[in-house]
N, C-alpha and C. Protein backbone atom coordinates (compact mmCIF):
# COMPACT_ATOMS: atom_id res chain seq x y z
N MET A 1 0.85 -1.18 0.00
CA MET A 1 0.00 0.00 0.00
C MET A 1 0.89 1.24 0.00
N ASP A 2 0.57 2.18 -0.84
CA ASP A 2 1.36 3.41 -0.97
C ASP A 2 1.05 4.34 0.21
N GLU A 3 2.03 4.50 1.09
CA GLU A 3 1.83 5.32 2.30
C GLU A 3 1.61 6.80 1.96
N THR A 4 2.16 7.24 0.83
CA THR A 4 1.95 8.62 0.41
C THR A 4 0.49 8.87 0.08
N VAL A 5 -0.12 7.92 -0.61
CA VAL A 5 -1.54 8.05 -0.96
C VAL A 5 -2.39 8.00 0.31
N VAL A 6 -2.04 7.09 1.23
CA VAL A 6 -2.77 7.01 2.50
C VAL A 6 -2.69 8.35 3.23
N ALA A 7 -1.50 8.95 3.25
CA ALA A 7 -1.33 10.24 3.92
C ALA A 7 -2.16 11.33 3.26
N LEU A 8 -2.23 11.33 1.95
CA LEU A 8 -3.04 12.32 1.24
C LEU A 8 -4.52 12.16 1.55
N VAL A 9 -4.99 10.93 1.57
CA VAL A 9 -6.40 10.67 1.91
C VAL A 9 -6.66 11.07 3.36
N ALA A 10 -5.75 10.71 4.25
CA ALA A 10 -5.90 11.07 5.67
C ALA A 10 -5.92 12.59 5.85
N THR A 11 -5.11 13.29 5.10
CA THR A 11 -5.09 14.76 5.18
C THR A 11 -6.44 15.33 4.76
N GLY A 12 -6.98 14.80 3.67
CA GLY A 12 -8.30 15.27 3.22
C GLY A 12 -9.39 15.01 4.24
N ILE A 13 -9.38 13.80 4.80
CA ILE A 13 -10.40 13.45 5.80
C ILE A 13 -10.22 14.28 7.06
N THR A 14 -8.97 14.48 7.47
CA THR A 14 -8.71 15.30 8.67
C THR A 14 -9.21 16.72 8.46
N GLY A 15 -9.00 17.25 7.26
CA GLY A 15 -9.52 18.58 6.96
C GLY A 15 -11.03 18.65 7.09
N LEU A 16 -11.69 17.59 6.68
CA LEU A 16 -13.15 17.52 6.81
C LEU A 16 -13.54 17.44 8.28
N VAL A 17 -12.83 16.62 9.04
CA VAL A 17 -13.14 16.46 10.47
C VAL A 17 -12.94 17.78 11.22
N THR A 18 -11.85 18.47 10.94
CA THR A 18 -11.49 19.63 11.75
C THR A 18 -12.00 20.96 11.23
N GLY A 19 -12.47 20.99 9.98
CA GLY A 19 -12.78 22.31 9.48
C GLY A 19 -14.07 22.50 8.72
N ALA A 20 -14.58 21.50 8.06
CA ALA A 20 -15.78 21.69 7.23
C ALA A 20 -16.98 21.96 8.12
N THR A 21 -17.72 22.96 7.75
CA THR A 21 -18.86 23.34 8.58
C THR A 21 -20.15 23.36 7.79
N GLY A 22 -21.23 23.40 8.51
CA GLY A 22 -22.55 23.60 7.92
C GLY A 22 -23.03 22.46 7.06
N GLU A 23 -23.96 22.81 6.20
CA GLU A 23 -24.59 21.82 5.33
C GLU A 23 -23.60 21.19 4.36
N ALA A 24 -22.62 21.95 3.92
CA ALA A 24 -21.63 21.41 2.98
C ALA A 24 -20.83 20.29 3.65
N GLY A 25 -20.46 20.47 4.90
CA GLY A 25 -19.75 19.43 5.64
C GLY A 25 -20.60 18.18 5.81
N LYS A 26 -21.87 18.38 6.16
CA LYS A 26 -22.79 17.24 6.31
C LYS A 26 -22.94 16.50 4.99
N ALA A 27 -23.05 17.25 3.91
CA ALA A 27 -23.21 16.63 2.59
C ALA A 27 -21.97 15.82 2.22
N ALA A 28 -20.79 16.31 2.59
CA ALA A 28 -19.56 15.58 2.29
C ALA A 28 -19.51 14.25 3.03
N TRP A 29 -19.93 14.24 4.30
CA TRP A 29 -19.98 12.99 5.06
C TRP A 29 -21.00 12.03 4.45
N MET A 30 -22.17 12.56 4.06
CA MET A 30 -23.19 11.71 3.44
C MET A 30 -22.67 11.13 2.13
N SER A 31 -21.96 11.94 1.38
CA SER A 31 -21.40 11.48 0.11
C SER A 31 -20.39 10.36 0.33
N LEU A 32 -19.52 10.50 1.34
CA LEU A 32 -18.55 9.45 1.65
C LEU A 32 -19.27 8.18 2.09
N THR A 33 -20.27 8.32 2.92
CA THR A 33 -21.03 7.16 3.39
C THR A 33 -21.69 6.43 2.21
N THR A 34 -22.30 7.17 1.31
CA THR A 34 -22.94 6.57 0.13
C THR A 34 -21.90 5.85 -0.73
N MET A 35 -20.75 6.48 -0.91
CA MET A 35 -19.68 5.89 -1.71
C MET A 35 -19.20 4.58 -1.09
N VAL A 36 -19.06 4.55 0.22
CA VAL A 36 -18.61 3.34 0.93
C VAL A 36 -19.67 2.25 0.82
N LYS A 37 -20.94 2.60 1.00
CA LYS A 37 -22.01 1.60 0.89
C LYS A 37 -22.01 0.95 -0.49
N LYS A 38 -21.82 1.77 -1.51
CA LYS A 38 -21.84 1.27 -2.88
C LYS A 38 -20.62 0.39 -3.17
N ALA A 39 -19.46 0.79 -2.73
CA ALA A 39 -18.22 0.07 -3.05
C ALA A 39 -18.04 -1.20 -2.23
N PHE A 40 -18.42 -1.14 -0.96
CA PHE A 40 -18.21 -2.28 -0.07
C PHE A 40 -19.52 -3.06 0.02
N GLY A 41 -19.77 -3.85 -1.01
CA GLY A 41 -21.04 -4.54 -1.15
C GLY A 41 -21.30 -5.64 -0.13
N LYS A 42 -20.26 -6.38 0.27
CA LYS A 42 -20.48 -7.47 1.23
C LYS A 42 -20.85 -6.88 2.58
N LYS A 43 -21.84 -7.49 3.21
CA LYS A 43 -22.41 -6.95 4.44
C LYS A 43 -21.35 -6.69 5.53
N ASP A 44 -20.51 -7.67 5.84
CA ASP A 44 -19.51 -7.51 6.89
C ASP A 44 -18.49 -6.44 6.53
N GLU A 45 -18.02 -6.48 5.29
CA GLU A 45 -17.04 -5.51 4.81
C GLU A 45 -17.62 -4.11 4.86
N GLN A 46 -18.86 -3.97 4.42
CA GLN A 46 -19.53 -2.69 4.40
C GLN A 46 -19.72 -2.16 5.82
N GLN A 47 -20.14 -3.03 6.73
CA GLN A 47 -20.38 -2.61 8.11
C GLN A 47 -19.10 -2.11 8.75
N THR A 48 -18.00 -2.81 8.54
CA THR A 48 -16.72 -2.40 9.11
C THR A 48 -16.31 -1.03 8.57
N ALA A 49 -16.42 -0.84 7.26
CA ALA A 49 -16.05 0.43 6.66
C ALA A 49 -16.96 1.56 7.15
N LEU A 50 -18.26 1.29 7.25
CA LEU A 50 -19.19 2.32 7.72
C LEU A 50 -18.94 2.68 9.18
N GLU A 51 -18.58 1.70 9.99
CA GLU A 51 -18.24 1.98 11.39
C GLU A 51 -17.01 2.88 11.48
N LEU A 52 -16.05 2.65 10.60
CA LEU A 52 -14.87 3.53 10.58
C LEU A 52 -15.24 4.95 10.17
N VAL A 53 -16.08 5.08 9.15
CA VAL A 53 -16.53 6.41 8.73
C VAL A 53 -17.21 7.12 9.90
N GLU A 54 -18.08 6.42 10.60
CA GLU A 54 -18.81 7.02 11.72
C GLU A 54 -17.87 7.38 12.86
N ALA A 55 -16.89 6.52 13.16
CA ALA A 55 -15.92 6.82 14.22
C ALA A 55 -15.13 8.08 13.90
N VAL A 56 -14.74 8.20 12.66
CA VAL A 56 -13.99 9.40 12.24
C VAL A 56 -14.89 10.62 12.29
N ARG A 57 -16.10 10.50 11.80
CA ARG A 57 -17.03 11.64 11.76
C ARG A 57 -17.37 12.14 13.16
N THR A 58 -17.62 11.23 14.08
CA THR A 58 -18.08 11.65 15.40
C THR A 58 -16.95 11.94 16.38
N ASP A 59 -15.85 11.20 16.28
CA ASP A 59 -14.78 11.34 17.27
C ASP A 59 -13.45 11.79 16.69
N GLY A 60 -13.34 11.85 15.38
CA GLY A 60 -12.07 12.21 14.77
C GLY A 60 -11.00 11.16 14.95
N ARG A 61 -11.41 9.93 15.28
CA ARG A 61 -10.41 8.87 15.51
C ARG A 61 -10.38 7.92 14.32
N ASP A 62 -9.34 7.14 14.25
CA ASP A 62 -9.19 6.12 13.21
C ASP A 62 -9.08 6.68 11.80
N VAL A 63 -8.60 7.93 11.65
CA VAL A 63 -8.47 8.54 10.32
C VAL A 63 -7.51 7.71 9.46
N THR A 64 -6.38 7.31 10.03
CA THR A 64 -5.41 6.54 9.26
C THR A 64 -5.99 5.19 8.86
N GLU A 65 -6.66 4.53 9.79
CA GLU A 65 -7.25 3.23 9.48
C GLU A 65 -8.29 3.34 8.37
N LEU A 66 -9.15 4.34 8.45
CA LEU A 66 -10.15 4.55 7.40
C LEU A 66 -9.45 4.85 6.07
N SER A 67 -8.44 5.67 6.10
CA SER A 67 -7.70 6.01 4.88
C SER A 67 -7.09 4.77 4.26
N GLU A 68 -6.51 3.91 5.08
CA GLU A 68 -5.92 2.67 4.56
C GLU A 68 -6.97 1.78 3.91
N VAL A 69 -8.13 1.68 4.52
CA VAL A 69 -9.21 0.86 3.96
C VAL A 69 -9.66 1.43 2.62
N LEU A 70 -9.81 2.74 2.54
CA LEU A 70 -10.25 3.36 1.30
C LEU A 70 -9.20 3.22 0.19
N VAL A 71 -7.94 3.44 0.54
CA VAL A 71 -6.87 3.33 -0.45
C VAL A 71 -6.72 1.89 -0.94
N GLU A 72 -6.83 0.95 -0.02
CA GLU A 72 -6.72 -0.46 -0.41
C GLU A 72 -7.83 -0.81 -1.41
N ARG A 73 -9.05 -0.36 -1.15
CA ARG A 73 -10.16 -0.62 -2.06
C ARG A 73 -9.89 0.05 -3.41
N ALA A 74 -9.42 1.28 -3.37
CA ALA A 74 -9.16 2.02 -4.60
C ALA A 74 -8.03 1.41 -5.43
N SER A 75 -7.16 0.64 -4.78
CA SER A 75 -6.03 0.05 -5.50
C SER A 75 -6.46 -1.00 -6.53
N TRP A 76 -7.63 -1.58 -6.36
CA TRP A 76 -8.09 -2.59 -7.32
C TRP A 76 -9.47 -2.30 -7.89
N ASP A 77 -10.17 -1.33 -7.31
CA ASP A 77 -11.51 -0.97 -7.79
C ASP A 77 -11.41 0.40 -8.47
N THR A 78 -11.28 0.40 -9.79
CA THR A 78 -11.03 1.65 -10.51
C THR A 78 -12.21 2.63 -10.40
N GLN A 79 -13.42 2.12 -10.36
CA GLN A 79 -14.59 2.99 -10.20
C GLN A 79 -14.52 3.70 -8.85
N PHE A 80 -14.23 2.94 -7.79
CA PHE A 80 -14.11 3.54 -6.47
C PHE A 80 -12.95 4.53 -6.43
N ALA A 81 -11.83 4.19 -7.08
CA ALA A 81 -10.68 5.09 -7.12
C ALA A 81 -11.06 6.44 -7.73
N SER A 82 -11.81 6.39 -8.81
CA SER A 82 -12.27 7.63 -9.47
C SER A 82 -13.18 8.43 -8.55
N GLU A 83 -14.11 7.74 -7.91
CA GLU A 83 -15.04 8.41 -7.00
C GLU A 83 -14.31 9.01 -5.79
N LEU A 84 -13.35 8.26 -5.25
CA LEU A 84 -12.59 8.76 -4.10
C LEU A 84 -11.78 9.99 -4.49
N THR A 85 -11.16 9.95 -5.65
CA THR A 85 -10.39 11.10 -6.12
C THR A 85 -11.29 12.33 -6.29
N ALA A 86 -12.44 12.13 -6.89
CA ALA A 86 -13.40 13.24 -7.08
C ALA A 86 -13.89 13.76 -5.74
N TRP A 87 -14.15 12.86 -4.80
CA TRP A 87 -14.62 13.27 -3.48
C TRP A 87 -13.54 14.09 -2.76
N LEU A 88 -12.29 13.64 -2.83
CA LEU A 88 -11.20 14.38 -2.19
C LEU A 88 -11.06 15.77 -2.79
N GLU A 89 -11.21 15.87 -4.10
CA GLU A 89 -11.15 17.19 -4.74
C GLU A 89 -12.30 18.08 -4.28
N SER A 90 -13.48 17.49 -4.13
CA SER A 90 -14.66 18.28 -3.76
C SER A 90 -14.55 18.81 -2.33
N ILE A 91 -13.94 18.05 -1.43
CA ILE A 91 -13.87 18.53 -0.04
C ILE A 91 -12.82 19.61 0.15
N LYS A 92 -11.91 19.75 -0.79
CA LYS A 92 -10.92 20.85 -0.71
C LYS A 92 -11.61 22.21 -0.76
N ALA A 93 -12.72 22.28 -1.46
CA ALA A 93 -13.41 23.55 -1.67
C ALA A 93 -14.45 23.86 -0.60
N LEU A 94 -14.61 22.99 0.38
CA LEU A 94 -15.64 23.21 1.39
C LEU A 94 -15.32 24.43 2.25
N PRO A 95 -16.36 25.14 2.66
CA PRO A 95 -16.13 26.27 3.57
C PRO A 95 -15.58 25.76 4.90
N LYS A 96 -14.64 26.47 5.43
CA LYS A 96 -14.02 26.10 6.69
C LYS A 96 -14.47 27.07 7.78
N SER A 97 -14.42 26.60 8.98
CA SER A 97 -14.69 27.45 10.13
C SER A 97 -13.61 28.52 10.16
N ASP A 98 -13.99 29.77 10.41
CA ASP A 98 -12.98 30.81 10.45
C ASP A 98 -12.37 30.97 11.85
N GLY A 99 -12.87 30.21 12.80
CA GLY A 99 -12.28 30.21 14.13
C GLY A 99 -11.45 28.96 14.32
N PRO A 100 -10.82 28.85 15.45
CA PRO A 100 -10.02 27.64 15.69
C PRO A 100 -10.92 26.42 15.85
N THR A 101 -10.42 25.30 15.43
CA THR A 101 -11.11 24.05 15.65
C THR A 101 -10.20 23.21 16.51
N ASN A 102 -10.64 22.88 17.68
CA ASN A 102 -9.83 22.14 18.63
C ASN A 102 -10.46 20.79 18.89
N VAL A 103 -9.65 19.75 18.79
CA VAL A 103 -10.17 18.41 18.95
C VAL A 103 -9.30 17.64 19.93
N VAL A 104 -9.92 17.04 20.92
CA VAL A 104 -9.29 16.06 21.77
C VAL A 104 -10.08 14.79 21.52
N ALA A 105 -9.46 13.83 20.88
CA ALA A 105 -10.23 12.68 20.42
C ALA A 105 -9.43 11.40 20.55
N GLY A 106 -10.07 10.34 20.12
CA GLY A 106 -9.40 9.04 20.13
C GLY A 106 -9.18 8.57 21.54
N SER A 107 -7.96 8.13 21.80
CA SER A 107 -7.66 7.59 23.12
C SER A 107 -7.01 8.63 24.04
N ALA A 108 -7.10 9.91 23.66
CA ALA A 108 -6.52 10.96 24.49
C ALA A 108 -7.19 10.99 25.86
N GLN A 109 -6.39 11.14 26.89
CA GLN A 109 -6.91 11.26 28.25
C GLN A 109 -6.33 12.52 28.86
N VAL A 110 -7.15 13.52 29.03
CA VAL A 110 -6.71 14.78 29.60
C VAL A 110 -6.97 14.71 31.10
N THR A 111 -5.91 14.82 31.88
CA THR A 111 -6.08 14.71 33.34
C THR A 111 -5.81 16.03 34.05
N GLY A 112 -5.46 17.04 33.31
CA GLY A 112 -5.19 18.34 33.91
C GLY A 112 -5.75 19.43 33.02
N PRO A 113 -5.37 20.65 33.31
CA PRO A 113 -5.85 21.77 32.50
C PRO A 113 -5.47 21.60 31.03
N LEU A 114 -6.33 22.06 30.17
CA LEU A 114 -6.11 21.99 28.73
C LEU A 114 -6.52 23.32 28.14
N ILE A 115 -5.61 23.89 27.35
CA ILE A 115 -5.92 25.14 26.67
C ILE A 115 -5.90 24.86 25.18
N GLN A 116 -6.98 25.23 24.53
CA GLN A 116 -7.04 25.12 23.08
C GLN A 116 -7.58 26.43 22.56
N GLY A 117 -7.02 26.89 21.49
CA GLY A 117 -7.50 28.14 20.93
C GLY A 117 -6.57 28.64 19.86
N ARG A 118 -6.61 29.94 19.66
CA ARG A 118 -5.80 30.56 18.63
C ARG A 118 -5.44 31.97 19.07
N ASP A 119 -4.28 32.42 18.68
CA ASP A 119 -3.85 33.80 18.90
C ASP A 119 -3.86 34.19 20.38
N PHE A 120 -3.22 33.40 21.21
CA PHE A 120 -3.13 33.74 22.63
C PHE A 120 -2.19 34.93 22.82
N SER A 121 -2.48 35.74 23.79
CA SER A 121 -1.64 36.89 24.11
C SER A 121 -1.65 37.07 25.61
N GLY A 122 -0.49 37.24 26.19
CA GLY A 122 -0.41 37.46 27.62
C GLY A 122 -0.24 36.17 28.38
N PRO A 123 -0.09 36.30 29.69
CA PRO A 123 0.16 35.10 30.50
C PRO A 123 -1.09 34.23 30.65
N ILE A 124 -0.83 32.96 30.81
CA ILE A 124 -1.89 31.99 31.10
C ILE A 124 -1.44 31.25 32.34
N SER A 125 -2.32 31.13 33.32
CA SER A 125 -1.94 30.41 34.53
C SER A 125 -3.13 29.62 35.06
N PHE A 126 -2.80 28.62 35.85
CA PHE A 126 -3.82 27.81 36.51
C PHE A 126 -3.54 27.86 38.00
N GLY A 127 -4.48 28.31 38.78
CA GLY A 127 -4.29 28.34 40.23
C GLY A 127 -3.37 29.47 40.63
N THR A 128 -2.83 29.34 41.82
CA THR A 128 -1.95 30.38 42.33
C THR A 128 -0.49 30.07 41.98
N PRO A 129 0.30 31.12 41.73
CA PRO A 129 1.70 30.91 41.40
C PRO A 129 2.48 30.42 42.62
N PRO A 130 3.62 29.76 42.41
CA PRO A 130 4.44 29.31 43.55
C PRO A 130 4.96 30.52 44.31
N PRO A 131 5.32 30.33 45.60
CA PRO A 131 5.87 31.44 46.39
C PRO A 131 7.13 31.99 45.72
N SER A 132 7.44 33.22 46.01
CA SER A 132 8.58 33.89 45.36
C SER A 132 9.91 33.22 45.67
N GLY A 133 9.99 32.35 46.65
CA GLY A 133 11.22 31.64 46.98
C GLY A 133 11.62 30.62 45.91
N GLY A 134 10.75 30.38 44.96
CA GLY A 134 11.07 29.49 43.86
C GLY A 134 10.66 28.05 44.07
N LYS A 135 10.32 27.67 45.30
CA LYS A 135 9.88 26.30 45.54
C LYS A 135 8.37 26.25 45.64
N PRO A 136 7.78 25.24 45.02
CA PRO A 136 6.31 25.14 45.06
C PRO A 136 5.79 24.78 46.43
C-alpha cells in the first residue's frame, strides 16, 4: 500500500473532520457514506467500513485506518478510485470554520488543565503561582 496516498487521503479526511462546517460538511460525510455503501457490497465488509466512517465523523479517531481501507479498495476498484479522487477534490473547496477548531479525540486522556485556541496573548496560569522563593 502506498503510504503517500494514505497520507493524502488522511489529510483530506482530517480537513473535513477539523474544518468543514454547515450543510456542505454534512453533505460531504453523506457522500462518503454513500460511496462506501456502494463500493463495499459485502455486508460484513460494508459494516466495518461504515463503522470507521462514523468513528472518524463523530470522534475524529481512526483517520489513518479509514484512509488505509479506502486506499486499499481504490487500489483494485477503478470505479471507487475515481469516486474517491473526485470526493477528495470536492472537499478541498468546502467552507471552513474561520475560528479555531480544537479536537481532543481518540484515546486521548486529559487529566489536567487543557488550553485550546488561537492567537493567545499574555500570560496563562492555573491556580496560584508558587511562592517567590522558587519552591512550590
